[in-house]
């Protein structure tokens, strides 16, 4: 038996037990089977970055379907058609894997904040661009990790990093709201409370949205942004105190 034949026979003998709630054959946003990152790698030059992304994406879907504590690295390895030691080549432990899922979900929002920071557009349009990315991220396979990672008994160090990244997003949204107040494109009485309200509404998407629903993540994002835009649009009389209703004249006494 040649060395290549022996490796093939060993790979074929590897167990591939499915998850209780199967995640085998998971596909990414582009429709590609995540396990194909390894199957293709057996034919082409190995790409560490592509395979690491596949590990993170499959883990995110597994955490979303089964929860963090009910998902093992064995489950994730089985979904990817690799052995458990292969997972350790990309992440040191399951906690770090959850954190990487969280970071992957936040990155489109952070990128949007960086992109609009020096844009000449009105702040309302810049905020809409960020909120659209936020909604799509929460509606992605990373949504569960984005909104629940902080509550999964992480180490103090990891929890601190999660809070820091969340604070970065929060401060970015507040900054855009304050910019909108200055350029007159946004009306809000309290940037902090408005930022909390926006993030709270968007984060809740992860609790109810599933990919097999009629609306796509992009359509959900557009609906939320339209709602927010109408609510934050300046009114002509927004700065004027509401007029009190005039009292009805007293009836003449007889």
Protein backbone atom coordinates (compact mmCIF):
# COMPACT_ATOMS: atom_id res chain seq x y z
CA UNK A 1 0.00 0.00 0.00
CA UNK A 2 1.40 3.39 -0.96
CA UNK A 3 1.64 6.24 1.57
CA UNK A 4 -1.04 8.18 -0.31
CA UNK A 5 -3.39 5.15 -0.29
CA UNK A 6 -2.83 4.68 3.44
CA UNK A 7 -3.72 8.34 4.15
CA UNK A 8 -6.90 8.02 2.08
CA UNK A 9 -7.94 4.86 3.91
CA UNK A 10 -7.33 6.54 7.28
CA UNK A 11 -9.37 9.58 6.31
CA UNK A 12 -12.23 7.35 5.18
CA UNK A 13 -12.21 5.58 8.55
CA UNK A 14 -12.64 8.80 10.56
CA UNK A 15 -15.99 8.96 12.41
CA UNK A 16 -18.35 11.70 11.30
CA UNK A 17 -21.10 11.59 13.89
CA UNK A 18 -23.67 14.34 13.23
CA UNK A 19 -24.91 16.85 15.78
CA UNK A 20 -28.13 16.06 17.60
CA UNK A 21 -29.48 19.05 15.69
CA UNK A 22 -27.43 18.39 12.55
CA UNK A 23 -25.14 21.07 11.24
CA UNK A 24 -23.39 18.88 8.69
CA UNK A 25 -23.35 20.34 5.23
CA UNK A 26 -23.75 23.89 6.55
CA UNK A 27 -23.47 26.53 3.86
CA UNK A 28 -22.16 30.05 4.11
CA UNK A 29 -23.76 33.22 2.87
CA UNK A 30 -22.46 32.54 -0.64
CA UNK A 31 -24.05 29.09 -0.66
CA UNK A 32 -20.76 27.23 -0.45
CA UNK A 33 -20.53 24.14 1.75
CA UNK A 34 -18.13 25.05 4.59
CA UNK A 35 -16.67 21.55 4.67
CA UNK A 36 -15.59 22.04 1.05
CA UNK A 37 -12.76 24.24 2.33
CA UNK A 38 -11.07 20.98 3.36
CA UNK A 39 -12.21 18.86 0.43
CA UNK A 40 -10.87 21.44 -2.01
CA UNK A 41 -7.72 21.75 0.06
CA UNK A 42 -6.89 18.11 -0.65
CA UNK A 43 -6.73 18.99 -4.33
CA UNK A 44 -5.30 22.51 -4.19
CA UNK A 45 -2.83 24.50 -2.13
CA UNK A 46 -4.11 24.77 1.43
CA UNK A 47 -5.47 28.15 2.44
CA UNK A 48 -5.26 28.68 6.19
CA UNK A 49 -7.44 31.79 6.17
CA UNK A 50 -10.28 30.16 4.22
CA UNK A 51 -10.29 27.14 6.50
CA UNK A 52 -10.19 29.25 9.65
CA UNK A 53 -13.18 31.23 8.36
CA UNK A 54 -14.99 27.96 7.70
CA UNK A 55 -14.38 26.81 11.30
CA UNK A 56 -15.74 30.10 12.66
CA UNK A 57 -18.78 30.10 10.36
CA UNK A 58 -19.77 26.51 11.14
CA UNK A 59 -19.25 27.11 14.86
CA UNK A 60 -21.48 30.17 14.74
CA UNK A 61 -24.28 28.18 13.13
CA UNK A 62 -23.89 25.36 15.60
CA UNK A 63 -24.00 27.75 18.57
CA UNK A 64 -27.09 29.36 17.07
CA UNK A 65 -28.87 26.02 16.65
CA UNK A 66 -27.83 24.27 19.84
CA UNK A 67 -26.40 26.90 22.16
CA UNK A 68 -22.81 27.34 23.30
CA UNK A 69 -22.82 24.82 26.14
CA UNK A 70 -24.61 22.12 24.13
CA UNK A 71 -22.13 22.29 21.25
CA UNK A 72 -18.78 20.51 21.44
CA UNK A 73 -15.68 20.84 19.31
CA UNK A 74 -16.34 17.25 18.23
CA UNK A 75 -19.67 18.42 16.80
CA UNK A 76 -17.99 21.22 14.87
CA UNK A 77 -15.26 18.89 13.60
CA UNK A 78 -17.88 16.39 12.41
CA UNK A 79 -19.76 19.13 10.54
CA UNK A 80 -16.52 20.11 8.80
CA UNK A 81 -15.54 16.48 8.11
CA UNK A 82 -12.26 16.86 9.96
CA UNK A 83 -10.83 15.56 13.21
CA UNK A 84 -11.01 17.46 16.50
CA UNK A 85 -7.22 18.10 16.60
CA UNK A 86 -7.67 19.97 13.30
CA UNK A 87 -9.92 22.50 15.06
CA UNK A 88 -7.17 23.17 17.62
CA UNK A 89 -4.91 24.21 14.75
CA UNK A 90 -7.15 27.26 14.22
CA UNK A 91 -8.43 28.05 17.75
CA UNK A 92 -7.08 26.98 21.16
CA UNK A 93 -10.47 26.25 22.78
CA UNK A 94 -14.23 26.64 22.45
CA UNK A 95 -14.32 29.92 24.37
CA UNK A 96 -11.88 31.48 21.91
CA UNK A 97 -13.99 30.12 19.06
CA UNK A 98 -17.09 31.84 20.44
CA UNK A 99 -15.13 35.08 20.74
CA UNK A 100 -13.96 34.80 17.13
CA UNK A 101 -17.59 34.30 16.05
CA UNK A 102 -18.50 37.44 17.98
CA UNK A 103 -15.71 39.45 16.34
CA UNK A 104 -16.64 38.15 12.88
CA UNK A 105 -20.20 39.34 13.41
CA UNK A 106 -19.13 42.79 14.58
CA UNK A 107 -16.53 43.40 11.89
CA UNK A 108 -18.98 44.59 9.17
CA UNK A 109 -20.37 47.15 11.63
CA UNK A 110 -16.91 48.33 12.67
CA UNK A 111 -15.91 48.57 9.02
CA UNK A 112 -19.01 50.64 8.26
CA UNK A 113 -18.21 53.02 11.13
CA UNK A 114 -14.67 53.45 9.83
CA UNK A 115 -15.91 54.02 6.29
CA UNK A 116 -18.42 56.75 7.16
CA UNK A 117 -16.30 58.57 9.71
CA UNK A 118 -14.87 61.09 7.24
CA UNK A 119 -17.69 60.97 4.72
CA UNK A 120 -19.12 64.31 3.55
CA UNK A 121 -22.66 62.92 3.62
CA UNK A 122 -25.17 64.14 6.23
CA UNK A 123 -24.95 62.23 9.48
CA UNK A 124 -28.40 60.68 8.99
CA UNK A 125 -27.26 58.98 5.77
CA UNK A 126 -24.04 57.82 7.41
CA UNK A 127 -25.99 56.45 10.37
CA UNK A 128 -28.37 54.63 8.03
CA UNK A 129 -25.41 52.93 6.32
CA UNK A 130 -24.10 51.72 9.69
CA UNK A 131 -27.51 50.56 10.91
CA UNK A 132 -28.07 48.65 7.67
CA UNK A 133 -24.81 46.74 8.20
CA UNK A 134 -25.74 46.22 11.86
CA UNK A 135 -29.12 44.69 10.95
CA UNK A 136 -27.64 42.40 8.32
CA UNK A 137 -24.92 41.25 10.72
CA UNK A 138 -27.43 40.38 13.45
CA UNK A 139 -29.56 38.52 10.88
CA UNK A 140 -26.53 36.50 9.76
CA UNK A 141 -25.28 33.22 11.23
CA UNK A 142 -23.22 35.31 13.67
CA UNK A 143 -26.26 37.01 15.22
CA UNK A 144 -26.63 34.64 18.17
CA UNK A 145 -22.94 35.03 19.08
CA UNK A 146 -23.13 38.81 18.75
CA UNK A 147 -25.95 39.25 21.24
CA UNK A 148 -25.34 36.35 23.64
CA UNK A 149 -21.58 35.84 23.79
CA UNK A 150 -21.28 38.00 26.90
CA UNK A 151 -23.63 35.73 28.85
CA UNK A 152 -21.89 32.38 28.26
CA UNK A 153 -19.68 32.14 31.37
CA UNK A 154 -16.64 33.53 29.58
CA UNK A 155 -13.43 34.24 31.44
CA UNK A 156 -13.10 37.75 32.92
CA UNK A 157 -10.52 38.63 30.26
CA UNK A 158 -12.69 37.47 27.37
CA UNK A 159 -15.80 39.13 28.81
CA UNK A 160 -13.85 42.37 29.09
CA UNK A 161 -12.89 42.21 25.42
CA UNK A 162 -16.51 41.59 24.43
CA UNK A 163 -17.65 44.63 26.43
CA UNK A 164 -14.93 46.81 24.90
CA UNK A 165 -16.00 45.92 21.36
CA UNK A 166 -19.67 46.52 22.18
CA UNK A 167 -18.76 49.89 23.66
CA UNK A 168 -16.89 50.77 20.47
CA UNK A 169 -20.05 50.18 18.41
CA UNK A 170 -22.20 52.08 20.91
CA UNK A 171 -19.89 55.09 20.92
CA UNK A 172 -19.75 55.09 17.14
CA UNK A 173 -23.54 55.25 16.89
CA UNK A 174 -23.73 58.01 19.53
CA UNK A 175 -21.13 60.01 17.63
CA UNK A 176 -23.22 59.84 14.45
CA UNK A 177 -26.32 60.92 16.37
CA UNK A 178 -24.48 63.91 17.80
CA UNK A 179 -23.16 64.76 14.33
CA UNK A 180 -26.74 64.64 13.08
CA UNK A 181 -27.86 67.05 15.76
CA UNK A 182 -25.14 69.45 14.70
CA UNK A 183 -25.81 69.27 10.95
CA UNK A 184 -29.59 69.27 11.43
CA UNK A 185 -30.19 65.92 9.72
CA UNK A 186 -31.27 64.08 12.90
CA UNK A 187 -33.69 64.97 15.65
CA UNK A 188 -33.21 63.30 19.02
CA UNK A 189 -33.31 64.60 22.58
CA UNK A 190 -30.81 62.12 24.03
CA UNK A 191 -28.09 60.50 21.89
CA UNK A 192 -27.26 57.91 24.57
CA UNK A 193 -30.84 56.68 25.00
CA UNK A 194 -31.42 56.74 21.24
CA UNK A 195 -28.31 54.63 20.67
CA UNK A 196 -29.52 52.13 23.29
CA UNK A 197 -32.95 51.98 21.65
CA UNK A 198 -31.51 51.42 18.17
CA UNK A 199 -29.11 48.70 19.32
CA UNK A 200 -31.79 47.01 21.41
CA UNK A 201 -34.20 46.82 18.49
CA UNK A 202 -31.51 45.52 16.15
CA UNK A 203 -30.11 42.97 18.59
CA UNK A 204 -33.57 41.47 19.07
CA UNK A 205 -33.53 40.36 15.42
CA UNK A 206 -31.24 37.50 16.46
CA UNK A 207 -33.98 36.12 18.72
CA UNK A 208 -36.61 35.72 16.01
CA UNK A 209 -35.01 35.84 12.55
CA UNK A 210 -34.17 32.60 10.74
CA UNK A 211 -32.68 32.25 7.26
CA UNK A 212 -35.60 30.20 5.96
CA UNK A 213 -38.06 33.06 6.52
CA UNK A 214 -39.67 34.91 3.64
CA UNK A 215 -37.58 38.08 4.09
CA UNK A 216 -33.85 38.09 3.51
CA UNK A 217 -31.38 39.67 5.92
CA UNK A 218 -31.01 42.62 3.52
CA UNK A 219 -34.79 43.14 3.40
CA UNK A 220 -35.00 43.02 7.19
CA UNK A 221 -32.23 45.63 7.35
CA UNK A 222 -34.01 47.90 4.87
CA UNK A 223 -37.26 47.68 6.85
CA UNK A 224 -35.56 48.59 10.12
CA UNK A 225 -33.58 51.45 8.59
CA UNK A 226 -36.74 52.90 7.03
CA UNK A 227 -38.45 52.77 10.39
CA UNK A 228 -35.54 54.42 12.18
CA UNK A 229 -35.12 57.04 9.47
CA UNK A 230 -38.70 58.22 9.82
CA UNK A 231 -38.41 58.34 13.58
CA UNK A 232 -35.18 60.37 13.54
CA UNK A 233 -36.14 62.74 10.73
CA UNK A 234 -36.27 66.37 11.90
CA UNK A 235 -39.73 67.93 12.14
CA UNK A 236 -40.40 71.50 11.21
CA UNK A 237 -41.73 72.28 14.68
CA UNK A 238 -39.56 69.82 16.63
CA UNK A 239 -37.79 72.62 18.53
CA UNK A 240 -41.00 74.45 19.42
CA UNK A 241 -42.90 73.61 22.59
CA UNK A 242 -46.27 72.06 21.98
CA UNK A 243 -49.11 74.53 22.22
CA UNK A 244 -51.61 74.00 24.94
CA UNK A 245 -55.17 73.55 23.83
CA UNK A 246 -57.14 76.69 24.43
CA UNK A 247 -59.81 76.45 27.05
CA UNK A 248 -63.38 76.42 25.88
CA UNK A 249 -65.21 79.64 26.69
CA UNK A 250 -67.39 79.46 29.72
CA UNK A 251 -71.05 79.37 29.08
CA UNK A 252 -72.78 82.64 29.87
CA UNK A 253 -74.65 82.52 33.11
CA UNK A 254 -78.31 83.25 32.98
